Amino acid sequence: KIGADIIAIPTHGKKGLAHFFSGSIGEDVANHATLPVMTFKI
């Protein structure tokens, strides 16, 4: 543990079928994290 205040995760901004089949690590982290999660498109 590092004592972080927020989790920042880059995303590829996939939508539609590409997102449906590959999923999203950022989305999974946001759904399970106990800290605030900030995602940003790369």
PDB file of N, CA and C in Angstrom:
ATOM      1  N   LYS A   1       0.844  -1.182   0.000  1.00  0.00           N
ATOM      2  CA  LYS A   1       0.000   0.000   0.000  1.00  0.00           C
ATOM      3  C   LYS A   1       0.885   1.239   0.000  1.00  0.00           C
ATOM      4  N   ILE A   2       0.450   2.251  -0.771  1.00  0.00           N
ATOM      5  CA  ILE A   2       1.262   3.456  -0.901  1.00  0.00           C
ATOM      6  C   ILE A   2       0.571   4.706  -0.372  1.00  0.00           C
ATOM      7  N   GLY A   3      -0.620   4.591   0.138  1.00  0.00           N
ATOM      8  CA  GLY A   3      -1.322   5.742   0.696  1.00  0.00           C
ATOM      9  C   GLY A   3      -1.831   6.706  -0.356  1.00  0.00           C
ATOM     10  N   ALA A   4      -2.259   6.201  -1.497  1.00  0.00           N
ATOM     11  CA  ALA A   4      -2.759   7.051  -2.581  1.00  0.00           C
ATOM     12  C   ALA A   4      -4.098   7.679  -2.211  1.00  0.00           C
ATOM     13  N   ASP A   5      -4.380   8.849  -2.804  1.00  0.00           N
ATOM     14  CA  ASP A   5      -5.650   9.544  -2.598  1.00  0.00           C
ATOM     15  C   ASP A   5      -6.606   9.353  -3.769  1.00  0.00           C
ATOM     16  N   ILE A   6      -6.064   8.979  -4.930  1.00  0.00           N
ATOM     17  CA  ILE A   6      -6.865   8.818  -6.143  1.00  0.00           C
ATOM     18  C   ILE A   6      -6.156   7.819  -7.057  1.00  0.00           C
ATOM     19  N   ILE A   7      -6.933   7.164  -7.917  1.00  0.00           N
ATOM     20  CA  ILE A   7      -6.377   6.259  -8.922  1.00  0.00           C
ATOM     21  C   ILE A   7      -6.605   6.908 -10.283  1.00  0.00           C
ATOM     22  N   ALA A   8      -5.550   7.070 -11.082  1.00  0.00           N
ATOM     23  CA  ALA A   8      -5.652   7.642 -12.424  1.00  0.00           C
ATOM     24  C   ALA A   8      -5.328   6.551 -13.442  1.00  0.00           C
ATOM     25  N   ILE A   9      -6.231   6.352 -14.399  1.00  0.00           N
ATOM     26  CA  ILE A   9      -6.086   5.274 -15.376  1.00  0.00           C
ATOM     27  C   ILE A   9      -6.334   5.820 -16.784  1.00  0.00           C
ATOM     28  N   PRO A  10      -5.388   5.612 -17.701  1.00  0.00           N
ATOM     29  CA  PRO A  10      -5.640   6.000 -19.093  1.00  0.00           C
ATOM     30  C   PRO A  10      -6.577   4.996 -19.763  1.00  0.00           C
ATOM     31  N   THR A  11      -7.423   5.482 -20.680  1.00  0.00           N
ATOM     32  CA  THR A  11      -8.319   4.604 -21.434  1.00  0.00           C
ATOM     33  C   THR A  11      -8.139   4.883 -22.919  1.00  0.00           C
ATOM     34  N   HIS A  12      -8.609   3.959 -23.738  1.00  0.00           N
ATOM     35  CA  HIS A  12      -8.550   4.137 -25.185  1.00  0.00           C
ATOM     36  C   HIS A  12      -9.859   4.680 -25.735  1.00  0.00           C
ATOM     37  N   GLY A  13     -10.868   4.783 -24.899  1.00  0.00           N
ATOM     38  CA  GLY A  13     -12.148   5.346 -25.329  1.00  0.00           C
ATOM     39  C   GLY A  13     -12.909   4.468 -26.309  1.00  0.00           C
ATOM     40  N   LYS A  14     -12.785   3.154 -26.169  1.00  0.00           N
ATOM     41  CA  LYS A  14     -13.504   2.241 -27.063  1.00  0.00           C
ATOM     42  C   LYS A  14     -15.001   2.323 -26.793  1.00  0.00           C
ATOM     43  N   LYS A  15     -15.780   2.157 -27.869  1.00  0.00           N
ATOM     44  CA  LYS A  15     -17.236   2.183 -27.758  1.00  0.00           C
ATOM     45  C   LYS A  15     -17.814   1.039 -28.579  1.00  0.00           C
ATOM     46  N   GLY A  16     -19.054   0.776 -28.383  1.00  0.00           N
ATOM     47  CA  GLY A  16     -19.773  -0.195 -29.194  1.00  0.00           C
ATOM     48  C   GLY A  16     -19.260  -1.609 -29.034  1.00  0.00           C
ATOM     49  N   LEU A  17     -19.196  -2.338 -30.149  1.00  0.00           N
ATOM     50  CA  LEU A  17     -18.810  -3.746 -30.109  1.00  0.00           C
ATOM     51  C   LEU A  17     -17.376  -3.948 -29.647  1.00  0.00           C
ATOM     52  N   ALA A  18     -16.474  -3.034 -29.986  1.00  0.00           N
ATOM     53  CA  ALA A  18     -15.081  -3.168 -29.542  1.00  0.00           C
ATOM     54  C   ALA A  18     -15.016  -3.185 -28.022  1.00  0.00           C
ATOM     55  N   HIS A  19     -15.783  -2.312 -27.376  1.00  0.00           N
ATOM     56  CA  HIS A  19     -15.814  -2.267 -25.911  1.00  0.00           C
ATOM     57  C   HIS A  19     -16.497  -3.514 -25.356  1.00  0.00           C
ATOM     58  N   PHE A  20     -17.573  -3.936 -26.002  1.00  0.00           N
ATOM     59  CA  PHE A  20     -18.325  -5.102 -25.530  1.00  0.00           C
ATOM     60  C   PHE A  20     -17.455  -6.354 -25.513  1.00  0.00           C
ATOM     61  N   PHE A  21     -16.657  -6.563 -26.546  1.00  0.00           N
ATOM     62  CA  PHE A  21     -15.862  -7.788 -26.637  1.00  0.00           C
ATOM     63  C   PHE A  21     -14.557  -7.716 -25.860  1.00  0.00           C
ATOM     64  N   SER A  22     -13.955  -6.547 -25.740  1.00  0.00           N
ATOM     65  CA  SER A  22     -12.658  -6.461 -25.058  1.00  0.00           C
ATOM     66  C   SER A  22     -12.789  -6.020 -23.607  1.00  0.00           C
ATOM     67  N   GLY A  23     -13.908  -5.403 -23.226  1.00  0.00           N
ATOM     68  CA  GLY A  23     -14.072  -4.933 -21.853  1.00  0.00           C
ATOM     69  C   GLY A  23     -13.214  -3.711 -21.581  1.00  0.00           C
ATOM     70  N   SER A  24     -13.188  -3.294 -20.338  1.00  0.00           N
ATOM     71  CA  SER A  24     -12.436  -2.107 -19.965  1.00  0.00           C
ATOM     72  C   SER A  24     -11.843  -2.299 -18.578  1.00  0.00           C
ATOM     73  N   ILE A  25     -10.533  -2.272 -18.503  1.00  0.00           N
ATOM     74  CA  ILE A  25      -9.865  -2.395 -17.203  1.00  0.00           C
ATOM     75  C   ILE A  25     -10.217  -1.192 -16.340  1.00  0.00           C
ATOM     76  N   GLY A  26     -10.235   0.004 -16.940  1.00  0.00           N
ATOM     77  CA  GLY A  26     -10.590   1.202 -16.190  1.00  0.00           C
ATOM     78  C   GLY A  26     -11.974   1.119 -15.584  1.00  0.00           C
ATOM     79  N   GLU A  27     -12.905   0.577 -16.341  1.00  0.00           N
ATOM     80  CA  GLU A  27     -14.275   0.422 -15.843  1.00  0.00           C
ATOM     81  C   GLU A  27     -14.323  -0.578 -14.693  1.00  0.00           C
ATOM     82  N   ASP A  28     -13.593  -1.675 -14.825  1.00  0.00           N
ATOM     83  CA  ASP A  28     -13.550  -2.672 -13.750  1.00  0.00           C
ATOM     84  C   ASP A  28     -12.943  -2.084 -12.482  1.00  0.00           C
ATOM     85  N   VAL A  29     -11.856  -1.330 -12.626  1.00  0.00           N
ATOM     86  CA  VAL A  29     -11.226  -0.700 -11.460  1.00  0.00           C
ATOM     87  C   VAL A  29     -12.190   0.285 -10.818  1.00  0.00           C
ATOM     88  N   ALA A  30     -12.842   1.116 -11.634  1.00  0.00           N
ATOM     89  CA  ALA A  30     -13.776   2.112 -11.103  1.00  0.00           C
ATOM     90  C   ALA A  30     -14.926   1.459 -10.344  1.00  0.00           C
ATOM     91  N   ASN A  31     -15.365   0.303 -10.810  1.00  0.00           N
ATOM     92  CA  ASN A  31     -16.479  -0.387 -10.156  1.00  0.00           C
ATOM     93  C   ASN A  31     -16.082  -1.056  -8.850  1.00  0.00           C
ATOM     94  N   HIS A  32     -14.802  -1.339  -8.654  1.00  0.00           N
ATOM     95  CA  HIS A  32     -14.372  -2.081  -7.470  1.00  0.00           C
ATOM     96  C   HIS A  32     -13.460  -1.299  -6.522  1.00  0.00           C
ATOM     97  N   ALA A  33     -13.002  -0.129  -6.923  1.00  0.00           N
ATOM     98  CA  ALA A  33     -12.050   0.636  -6.111  1.00  0.00           C
ATOM     99  C   ALA A  33     -12.735   1.294  -4.914  1.00  0.00           C
ATOM    100  N   THR A  34     -11.976   1.437  -3.846  1.00  0.00           N
ATOM    101  CA  THR A  34     -12.477   2.157  -2.673  1.00  0.00           C
ATOM    102  C   THR A  34     -12.052   3.622  -2.708  1.00  0.00           C
ATOM    103  N   LEU A  35     -11.175   3.976  -3.638  1.00  0.00           N
ATOM    104  CA  LEU A  35     -10.721   5.355  -3.827  1.00  0.00           C
ATOM    105  C   LEU A  35     -11.418   5.960  -5.041  1.00  0.00           C
ATOM    106  N   PRO A  36     -11.424   7.286  -5.160  1.00  0.00           N
ATOM    107  CA  PRO A  36     -11.920   7.904  -6.386  1.00  0.00           C
ATOM    108  C   PRO A  36     -11.041   7.480  -7.566  1.00  0.00           C
ATOM    109  N   VAL A  37     -11.662   7.305  -8.735  1.00  0.00           N
ATOM    110  CA  VAL A  37     -10.939   6.897  -9.937  1.00  0.00           C
ATOM    111  C   VAL A  37     -11.126   7.962 -11.003  1.00  0.00           C
ATOM    112  N   MET A  38     -10.010   8.433 -11.574  1.00  0.00           N
ATOM    113  CA  MET A  38     -10.038   9.394 -12.668  1.00  0.00           C
ATOM    114  C   MET A  38      -9.547   8.678 -13.919  1.00  0.00           C
ATOM    115  N   THR A  39     -10.363   8.662 -14.979  1.00  0.00           N
ATOM    116  CA  THR A  39      -9.932   8.082 -16.244  1.00  0.00           C
ATOM    117  C   THR A  39      -9.737   9.209 -17.245  1.00  0.00           C
ATOM    118  N   PHE A  40      -8.789   9.011 -18.152  1.00  0.00           N
ATOM    119  CA  PHE A  40      -8.545  10.008 -19.191  1.00  0.00           C
ATOM    120  C   PHE A  40      -8.206   9.300 -20.488  1.00  0.00           C
ATOM    121  N   LYS A  41      -8.702   9.850 -21.586  1.00  0.00           N
ATOM    122  CA  LYS A  41      -8.517   9.254 -22.904  1.00  0.00           C
ATOM    123  C   LYS A  41      -7.117   9.547 -23.427  1.00  0.00           C
ATOM    124  N   ILE A  42      -6.477   8.495 -23.964  1.00  0.00           N
ATOM    125  CA  ILE A  42      -5.149   8.689 -24.564  1.00  0.00           C
ATOM    126  C   ILE A  42      -5.223   8.522 -26.058  1.00  0.00           C
TER     127      ILE A  42
END
